[in-house]
Amino acid sequence: MRAWDAGRWLLLATLWSLQYIFMRLSMPTFGTGIVADGRAVFSALFLVPWTLLVAREVIGLRAHWRDHLAVSLVNNVLPFACFAYAATALPASYLAVMNGMVPLWSAVIAAPVLKEPLGARRIAGFVLGIAGVALIVNLGPIELDAHTLLAALAGMLGAAFWGWAGVVIRQRTGRVPALSLATGSIIFCALILSPAWAQLPPPSAWTPTAVIALIALGALCSGLAYLPFFTLVRDIGPTRTLTVGLAVPVLGIFWGWLLLGETVTAPMLIGAGLVLLALVLVMRR
């Protein structure tokens, strides 16, 4: 990997590991729907001027609407909603470890779609990753109840959508420039989820922390992060790009402990270790 690729990879890992902190800070005030669409709106407010004025690319919403819509559904609409709901019950550290499953899902989905070999090692890695997440949810510091279990399933489903998205983006960037695809897909997401704003709480219920967290979630973790993400998928492929999953669980647990005072237990560390081992198995050529 070139130095330029490594730098973009590190930036992406850092931004994506912080997204769950911002979710946990904004969720109590704004709720699932607004957090999901607010993320898209503030991302679009960053990406649209960047694409048009800095990169000087044409977004092509009408010309390539099928590509934008396909990417939007699997990379934005569905995973944003899944992880926003998961954040109603699960700590940021749990969500970060679930993010580590994204490249595992990508490897499984890429096998039949992109004709990439799967093999016994990748299958074993995927099963090991599932076991690691199950260990954390079952034995972590959060009590396991119906809400927690449903949130965990939503988080895993969101990770699966993001894994699928890596494959879809790889297929579409041959027809649409990477940055234009990122911008168009986030615009579609903002429009599709816009009915959620009907549930916006009155300004008197807002807190500065929640507002800043929601803006940062969109502008940084989706807007700024999409610059390295979409270009890395184009340059080095979805599987290698999504090896950021190796760093996100570790960084996410660290940020949760440092910024939110979340408890770190031995089962959590063991489960995270299993997910990381699974990633090594899947990514090693």
Protein backbone atom coordinates (compact mmCIF):
# COMPACT_ATOMS: atom_id res chain seq x y z
CA MET A 1 0.00 0.00 0.00
CA ARG A 2 1.36 3.43 -0.96
CA ALA A 3 1.87 6.15 1.66
CA TRP A 4 -1.05 8.09 0.18
CA ASP A 5 -3.30 5.04 0.50
CA ALA A 6 -2.11 4.38 4.07
CA GLY A 7 -2.81 7.97 5.09
CA ARG A 8 -6.34 7.84 3.72
CA TRP A 9 -6.85 4.47 5.41
CA LEU A 10 -5.80 5.86 8.82
CA LEU A 11 -8.03 8.93 8.44
CA LEU A 12 -10.97 6.71 7.54
CA ALA A 13 -10.37 4.38 10.52
CA THR A 14 -10.23 7.31 12.93
CA LEU A 15 -13.38 8.98 11.64
CA TRP A 16 -15.38 5.77 11.55
CA SER A 17 -14.31 4.83 15.08
CA LEU A 18 -15.65 8.18 16.36
CA GLN A 19 -19.07 7.85 14.72
CA TYR A 20 -20.47 5.74 17.54
CA ILE A 21 -19.46 8.33 20.13
CA PHE A 22 -21.43 10.96 18.20
CA MET A 23 -24.40 8.59 17.86
CA ARG A 24 -24.55 7.93 21.59
CA LEU A 25 -24.36 11.66 22.34
CA SER A 26 -27.08 12.69 19.87
CA MET A 27 -29.55 9.77 20.19
CA PRO A 28 -31.16 10.70 23.55
CA THR A 29 -32.11 14.14 22.22
CA PHE A 30 -33.06 13.51 18.61
CA GLY A 31 -34.02 9.84 18.28
CA THR A 32 -33.37 7.22 15.62
CA GLY A 33 -34.92 8.79 12.53
CA ILE A 34 -33.46 12.26 12.90
CA VAL A 35 -30.01 10.94 13.78
CA ALA A 36 -30.09 8.75 10.66
CA ASP A 37 -31.26 11.54 8.34
CA GLY A 38 -29.36 14.31 10.11
CA ARG A 39 -26.24 12.34 9.35
CA ALA A 40 -27.15 12.36 5.67
CA VAL A 41 -28.12 16.05 5.62
CA PHE A 42 -24.93 17.33 7.23
CA SER A 43 -22.88 14.97 5.08
CA ALA A 44 -24.54 16.39 1.97
CA LEU A 45 -23.89 19.95 3.16
CA PHE A 46 -20.19 19.04 3.20
CA LEU A 47 -19.99 16.92 0.04
CA VAL A 48 -22.06 18.96 -2.40
CA PRO A 49 -19.91 22.12 -2.32
CA TRP A 50 -16.75 20.01 -2.16
CA THR A 51 -17.74 18.03 -5.25
CA LEU A 52 -18.92 21.03 -7.27
CA LEU A 53 -16.46 23.73 -6.20
CA VAL A 54 -13.30 21.91 -5.11
CA ALA A 55 -13.29 18.72 -7.18
CA ARG A 56 -15.28 20.37 -9.99
CA GLU A 57 -17.16 17.18 -10.76
CA VAL A 58 -20.72 16.85 -12.03
CA ILE A 59 -22.88 14.87 -9.60
CA GLY A 60 -25.25 13.62 -12.31
CA LEU A 61 -28.34 12.89 -10.22
CA ARG A 62 -30.55 12.45 -13.28
CA ALA A 63 -28.04 10.79 -15.59
CA HIS A 64 -26.90 8.21 -13.03
CA TRP A 65 -29.86 8.06 -10.66
CA ARG A 66 -29.92 4.25 -10.64
CA ASP A 67 -26.29 4.09 -9.48
CA HIS A 68 -26.83 6.77 -6.83
CA LEU A 69 -29.98 5.09 -5.55
CA ALA A 70 -28.44 1.61 -5.40
CA VAL A 71 -25.45 2.85 -3.39
CA SER A 72 -27.66 5.05 -1.20
CA LEU A 73 -29.86 2.17 -0.07
CA VAL A 74 -27.09 -0.20 1.01
CA ASN A 75 -24.46 2.33 2.10
CA ASN A 76 -26.61 5.04 3.66
CA VAL A 77 -30.33 4.56 4.21
CA LEU A 78 -30.40 1.06 5.67
CA PRO A 79 -27.14 1.01 7.70
CA PHE A 80 -27.71 4.55 9.04
CA ALA A 81 -31.13 3.50 10.32
CA CYS A 82 -29.85 0.18 11.71
CA PHE A 83 -26.94 1.66 13.64
CA ALA A 84 -28.96 4.65 14.87
CA TYR A 85 -31.46 2.22 16.38
CA ALA A 86 -28.68 0.04 17.79
CA ALA A 87 -27.28 3.12 19.54
CA THR A 88 -30.48 3.39 21.59
CA ALA A 89 -29.38 0.40 23.68
CA LEU A 90 -25.74 -0.48 23.01
CA PRO A 91 -22.56 1.34 24.12
CA ALA A 92 -20.30 2.91 21.51
CA SER A 93 -17.69 0.21 22.15
CA TYR A 94 -20.17 -2.57 21.26
CA LEU A 95 -21.09 -0.79 18.03
CA ALA A 96 -17.44 -0.29 17.10
CA VAL A 97 -16.75 -4.02 17.47
CA MET A 98 -19.78 -4.78 15.29
CA ASN A 99 -18.26 -2.46 12.70
CA GLY A 100 -15.37 -4.93 12.60
CA MET A 101 -17.76 -7.37 10.93
CA VAL A 102 -18.10 -5.12 7.86
CA PRO A 103 -15.07 -6.50 5.96
CA LEU A 104 -16.11 -10.04 6.90
CA TRP A 105 -19.51 -9.46 5.33
CA SER A 106 -17.82 -7.82 2.35
CA ALA A 107 -15.61 -10.87 1.80
CA VAL A 108 -18.59 -13.24 1.98
CA ILE A 109 -20.69 -11.15 -0.42
CA ALA A 110 -17.79 -10.48 -2.82
CA ALA A 111 -17.25 -14.21 -3.32
CA PRO A 112 -20.30 -14.82 -5.54
CA VAL A 113 -20.68 -11.26 -6.86
CA LEU A 114 -17.09 -10.29 -7.72
CA LYS A 115 -15.90 -13.90 -8.15
CA GLU A 116 -13.37 -13.52 -5.32
CA PRO A 117 -12.34 -16.81 -3.67
CA LEU A 118 -13.95 -17.51 -0.30
CA GLY A 119 -12.44 -20.75 0.94
CA ALA A 120 -12.52 -22.49 4.30
CA ARG A 121 -10.29 -19.91 6.02
CA ARG A 122 -12.63 -17.02 5.22
CA ILE A 123 -15.67 -19.02 6.25
CA ALA A 124 -14.00 -19.90 9.55
CA GLY A 125 -13.08 -16.24 10.05
CA PHE A 126 -16.65 -15.13 9.49
CA VAL A 127 -17.99 -17.66 12.02
CA LEU A 128 -15.31 -16.60 14.51
CA GLY A 129 -16.31 -12.95 14.10
CA ILE A 130 -19.96 -13.77 14.79
CA ALA A 131 -18.86 -15.64 17.92
CA GLY A 132 -16.84 -12.64 19.10
CA VAL A 133 -19.80 -10.26 18.78
CA ALA A 134 -22.10 -12.77 20.49
CA LEU A 135 -19.66 -13.04 23.39
CA ILE A 136 -19.60 -9.28 23.87
CA VAL A 137 -23.39 -8.89 23.73
CA ASN A 138 -24.00 -11.85 26.04
CA LEU A 139 -21.29 -11.23 28.65
CA GLY A 140 -20.60 -7.50 28.40
CA PRO A 141 -21.55 -4.96 31.10
CA ILE A 142 -24.96 -4.22 29.52
CA GLU A 143 -27.85 -6.42 30.68
CA LEU A 144 -29.14 -8.69 27.93
CA ASP A 145 -32.86 -8.13 27.38
CA ALA A 146 -35.21 -7.94 24.40
CA HIS A 147 -34.23 -4.36 23.55
CA THR A 148 -30.52 -5.09 23.77
CA LEU A 149 -30.87 -8.21 21.64
CA LEU A 150 -32.91 -6.39 18.99
CA ALA A 151 -30.38 -3.55 18.96
CA ALA A 152 -27.55 -6.07 18.51
CA LEU A 153 -29.34 -7.69 15.59
CA ALA A 154 -29.90 -4.24 14.04
CA GLY A 155 -26.20 -3.45 14.42
CA MET A 156 -25.17 -6.70 12.78
CA LEU A 157 -27.64 -6.09 9.95
CA GLY A 158 -26.18 -2.61 9.50
CA ALA A 159 -22.68 -4.10 9.27
CA ALA A 160 -23.94 -6.54 6.63
CA PHE A 161 -25.36 -3.67 4.56
CA TRP A 162 -22.05 -1.82 4.75
CA GLY A 163 -20.22 -4.97 3.67
CA TRP A 164 -22.57 -5.26 0.72
CA ALA A 165 -22.09 -1.57 -0.04
CA GLY A 166 -18.36 -2.05 -0.58
CA VAL A 167 -19.13 -4.49 -3.37
CA VAL A 168 -21.83 -2.27 -4.92
CA ILE A 169 -19.54 0.78 -4.87
CA ARG A 170 -16.77 -1.20 -6.57
CA GLN A 171 -19.22 -2.14 -9.32
CA ARG A 172 -20.55 1.41 -9.80
CA THR A 173 -17.35 3.48 -9.67
CA GLY A 174 -16.50 2.22 -13.14
CA ARG A 175 -19.47 4.20 -14.48
CA VAL A 176 -19.63 7.15 -12.06
CA PRO A 177 -16.67 9.07 -10.56
CA ALA A 178 -16.12 8.05 -6.93
CA LEU A 179 -16.77 11.45 -5.37
CA SER A 180 -19.84 12.11 -7.50
CA LEU A 181 -21.21 8.71 -6.48
CA ALA A 182 -20.65 9.47 -2.80
CA THR A 183 -22.37 12.84 -3.08
CA GLY A 184 -25.30 11.68 -5.16
CA SER A 185 -25.99 8.70 -2.91
CA ILE A 186 -26.00 10.83 0.25
CA ILE A 187 -28.41 13.31 -1.38
CA PHE A 188 -30.77 10.44 -2.14
CA CYS A 189 -30.47 9.24 1.46
CA ALA A 190 -31.30 12.69 2.85
CA LEU A 191 -34.42 12.79 0.68
CA ILE A 192 -35.56 9.22 1.43
CA LEU A 193 -35.26 9.64 5.21
CA SER A 194 -36.58 13.23 5.29
CA PRO A 195 -40.02 12.30 6.75
CA ALA A 196 -38.21 11.64 10.04
CA TRP A 197 -37.99 15.40 10.63
CA ALA A 198 -41.70 15.42 11.46
CA GLN A 199 -40.60 14.02 14.84
CA LEU A 200 -38.06 16.78 15.53
CA PRO A 201 -38.23 17.77 19.22
CA PRO A 202 -38.71 21.46 20.08
CA PRO A 203 -35.51 23.54 20.27
CA SER A 204 -35.96 23.85 24.02
CA ALA A 205 -35.14 20.12 24.28
CA TRP A 206 -31.90 20.40 22.32
CA THR A 207 -28.53 20.43 24.04
CA PRO A 208 -25.31 21.89 22.61
CA THR A 209 -23.59 18.52 22.97
CA ALA A 210 -26.30 16.69 21.02
CA VAL A 211 -26.38 19.30 18.25
CA ILE A 212 -22.60 19.33 17.83
CA ALA A 213 -22.50 15.52 17.89
CA LEU A 214 -25.15 15.26 15.16
CA ILE A 215 -23.36 17.78 12.95
CA ALA A 216 -20.02 16.00 13.48
CA LEU A 217 -21.61 12.62 12.74
CA GLY A 218 -22.71 13.84 9.31
CA ALA A 219 -20.01 16.32 8.31
CA LEU A 220 -17.02 14.30 9.58
CA CYS A 221 -17.96 10.62 9.82
CA SER A 222 -19.86 10.54 6.53
CA GLY A 223 -18.99 13.73 4.64
CA LEU A 224 -15.24 13.97 5.18
CA ALA A 225 -14.87 10.19 5.60
CA TYR A 226 -16.41 9.50 2.20
CA LEU A 227 -13.52 11.28 0.47
CA PRO A 228 -11.00 8.56 1.46
CA PHE A 229 -13.56 5.73 1.49
CA PHE A 230 -14.90 5.99 -2.05
CA THR A 231 -11.49 6.72 -3.56
CA LEU A 232 -9.86 3.84 -1.67
CA VAL A 233 -12.54 1.40 -2.87
CA ARG A 234 -11.78 2.61 -6.39
CA ASP A 235 -7.99 2.44 -5.98
CA ILE A 236 -7.35 -0.66 -3.84
CA GLY A 237 -10.72 -2.49 -3.83
CA PRO A 238 -13.47 -2.99 -1.23
CA THR A 239 -11.87 -5.84 0.71
CA ARG A 240 -8.56 -4.05 1.32
CA THR A 241 -10.31 -0.75 2.05
CA LEU A 242 -12.55 -2.37 4.64
CA THR A 243 -9.56 -3.66 6.56
CA VAL A 244 -10.15 -0.45 8.51
CA GLY A 245 -12.27 -2.88 10.51
CA LEU A 246 -9.00 -3.99 12.11
CA ALA A 247 -8.60 -0.57 13.70
CA VAL A 248 -12.20 0.53 14.33
CA PRO A 249 -13.00 -1.94 17.18
CA VAL A 250 -9.80 -1.08 19.05
CA LEU A 251 -10.19 2.66 18.57
CA GLY A 252 -13.92 2.49 19.32
CA ILE A 253 -13.38 0.75 22.67
CA PHE A 254 -10.70 3.33 23.51
CA TRP A 255 -12.91 6.32 22.62
CA GLY A 256 -15.86 4.85 24.55
CA TRP A 257 -13.72 4.45 27.65
CA LEU A 258 -12.00 7.82 27.30
CA LEU A 259 -14.88 10.06 26.22
CA LEU A 260 -18.01 8.37 27.59
CA GLY A 261 -16.62 6.50 30.59
CA GLU A 262 -17.84 3.14 29.26
CA THR A 263 -16.82 0.02 31.15
CA VAL A 264 -14.32 -2.29 29.49
CA THR A 265 -14.60 -5.91 30.65
CA ALA A 266 -12.57 -9.04 29.98
CA PRO A 267 -15.33 -10.66 27.84
CA MET A 268 -15.44 -7.50 25.74
CA LEU A 269 -11.70 -7.64 25.11
CA ILE A 270 -11.85 -11.36 24.36
CA GLY A 271 -14.76 -10.84 21.96
CA ALA A 272 -12.97 -7.96 20.25
CA GLY A 273 -9.89 -10.17 19.98
CA LEU A 274 -11.94 -12.87 18.27
CA VAL A 275 -13.26 -10.33 15.77
CA LEU A 276 -9.74 -9.09 15.05
CA LEU A 277 -8.49 -12.67 14.63
CA ALA A 278 -11.38 -13.30 12.25
CA LEU A 279 -10.36 -10.24 10.24
CA VAL A 280 -6.80 -11.48 9.98
CA LEU A 281 -8.03 -14.85 8.72
CA VAL A 282 -10.28 -13.26 6.13
CA MET A 283 -7.89 -10.56 4.92
CA ARG A 284 -4.66 -12.58 4.79
CA ARG A 285 -3.83 -13.59 1.25
